[in-house]
Amino acid sequence: MKDKLDNIIVGILAGGLFPILGMYIYFLFTYRSQTTFTGFIDYFSRMHIVVASISLSCYITNLPLFFGMIWLNMNRAARGVLISTMCYTAWVVYEKFIS
């Protein structure tokens, strides 16, 4: 089973989905009683902190994921997580400085 999960595509998918999952968990613990998840995202959008919150969520969730995969000797999947994190970083740089 470990050999099937040790590929770049699995790492990219995990690295792309974990930040969204992290934001959802943050929503559950902080804003669940006040609004829906779409209202939460809309509020962050109006406050112009979506990019900052997604970038923070990306690093907080992908860092343990990356090191966990390294520890389990799933080096190809860890490479995919790293690629996903670099894509998020490129998007954040684009949103902050270019657009």
Protein backbone atom coordinates (compact mmCIF):
# COMPACT_ATOMS: atom_id res chain seq x y z
CA MET A 1 0.00 0.00 0.00
CA LYS A 2 2.83 2.37 0.84
CA ASP A 3 4.34 1.87 -2.63
CA LYS A 4 1.06 2.84 -4.30
CA LEU A 5 0.87 6.08 -2.31
CA ASP A 6 4.50 7.01 -2.91
CA ASN A 7 4.13 8.97 -6.14
CA ILE A 8 4.22 12.63 -7.06
CA ILE A 9 0.52 12.87 -7.99
CA VAL A 10 -0.59 11.72 -4.52
CA GLY A 11 1.74 14.29 -2.96
CA ILE A 12 0.45 17.10 -5.17
CA LEU A 13 -3.16 16.21 -4.37
CA ALA A 14 -2.47 15.95 -0.63
CA GLY A 15 -0.47 19.19 -0.65
CA GLY A 16 -3.27 20.93 -2.53
CA LEU A 17 -6.11 19.68 -0.36
CA PHE A 18 -4.59 19.90 3.12
CA PRO A 19 -4.51 23.74 3.21
CA ILE A 20 -8.21 23.83 2.31
CA LEU A 21 -8.89 21.22 4.96
CA GLY A 22 -6.86 23.29 7.43
CA MET A 23 -8.93 26.38 6.71
CA TYR A 24 -12.11 24.36 7.15
CA ILE A 25 -10.92 23.04 10.52
CA TYR A 26 -10.06 26.61 11.55
CA PHE A 27 -13.58 27.64 10.52
CA LEU A 28 -15.10 24.81 12.58
CA PHE A 29 -13.29 25.88 15.72
CA THR A 30 -13.78 29.64 15.39
CA TYR A 31 -16.71 30.75 13.20
CA ARG A 32 -19.05 27.75 12.95
CA SER A 33 -21.67 29.21 15.27
CA GLN A 34 -21.63 32.58 13.48
CA THR A 35 -21.74 31.81 9.76
CA THR A 36 -21.42 29.18 7.03
CA PHE A 37 -18.14 28.24 5.38
CA THR A 38 -19.00 30.30 2.28
CA GLY A 39 -19.84 33.24 4.54
CA PHE A 40 -16.50 32.73 6.26
CA ILE A 41 -14.66 32.86 2.92
CA ASP A 42 -16.74 35.88 1.86
CA TYR A 43 -15.85 37.68 5.10
CA PHE A 44 -12.14 36.96 4.56
CA SER A 45 -12.50 38.21 0.99
CA ARG A 46 -14.07 41.48 2.11
CA MET A 47 -11.33 41.96 4.70
CA HIS A 48 -8.67 41.25 2.00
CA ILE A 49 -7.01 38.50 4.04
CA VAL A 50 -7.84 35.46 1.90
CA VAL A 51 -4.36 35.27 0.41
CA ALA A 52 -2.66 35.63 3.78
CA SER A 53 -4.88 33.04 5.43
CA ILE A 54 -4.46 30.52 2.62
CA SER A 55 -0.69 30.97 2.60
CA LEU A 56 -0.52 30.53 6.37
CA SER A 57 -2.79 27.48 6.15
CA CYS A 58 -0.60 26.09 3.38
CA TYR A 59 2.57 26.22 5.42
CA ILE A 60 1.00 25.08 8.67
CA THR A 61 -0.55 21.98 7.07
CA ASN A 62 2.00 21.10 4.41
CA LEU A 63 5.06 21.29 6.65
CA PRO A 64 4.05 18.37 8.92
CA LEU A 65 2.74 16.51 5.87
CA PHE A 66 6.08 16.94 4.08
CA PHE A 67 8.18 15.83 7.05
CA GLY A 68 5.81 12.95 7.79
CA MET A 69 6.27 11.66 4.27
CA ILE A 70 10.03 12.05 4.56
CA TRP A 71 9.94 10.13 7.86
CA LEU A 72 7.92 7.34 6.20
CA ASN A 73 10.41 7.21 3.31
CA MET A 74 7.74 8.34 0.85
CA ASN A 75 10.17 10.64 -0.96
CA ARG A 76 8.22 10.92 -4.23
CA ALA A 77 5.04 11.93 -2.42
CA ALA A 78 7.04 14.43 -0.33
CA ARG A 79 8.32 15.89 -3.59
CA GLY A 80 4.71 16.30 -4.72
CA VAL A 81 3.84 18.14 -1.50
CA LEU A 82 6.82 20.41 -2.10
CA ILE A 83 5.65 21.10 -5.67
CA SER A 84 2.17 21.92 -4.40
CA THR A 85 3.59 24.27 -1.77
CA MET A 86 5.69 26.03 -4.41
CA CYS A 87 2.57 26.46 -6.57
CA TYR A 88 0.71 28.00 -3.63
CA THR A 89 3.71 30.26 -2.99
CA ALA A 90 3.80 31.37 -6.63
CA TRP A 91 0.06 32.16 -6.45
CA VAL A 92 0.53 34.16 -3.24
CA VAL A 93 3.42 36.15 -4.73
CA TYR A 94 1.33 36.83 -7.83
CA GLU A 95 -1.68 37.98 -5.79
CA LYS A 96 0.36 40.12 -3.41
CA PHE A 97 2.77 41.83 -5.78
CA ILE A 98 1.67 41.48 -9.40
CA SER A 99 -2.10 41.73 -9.59
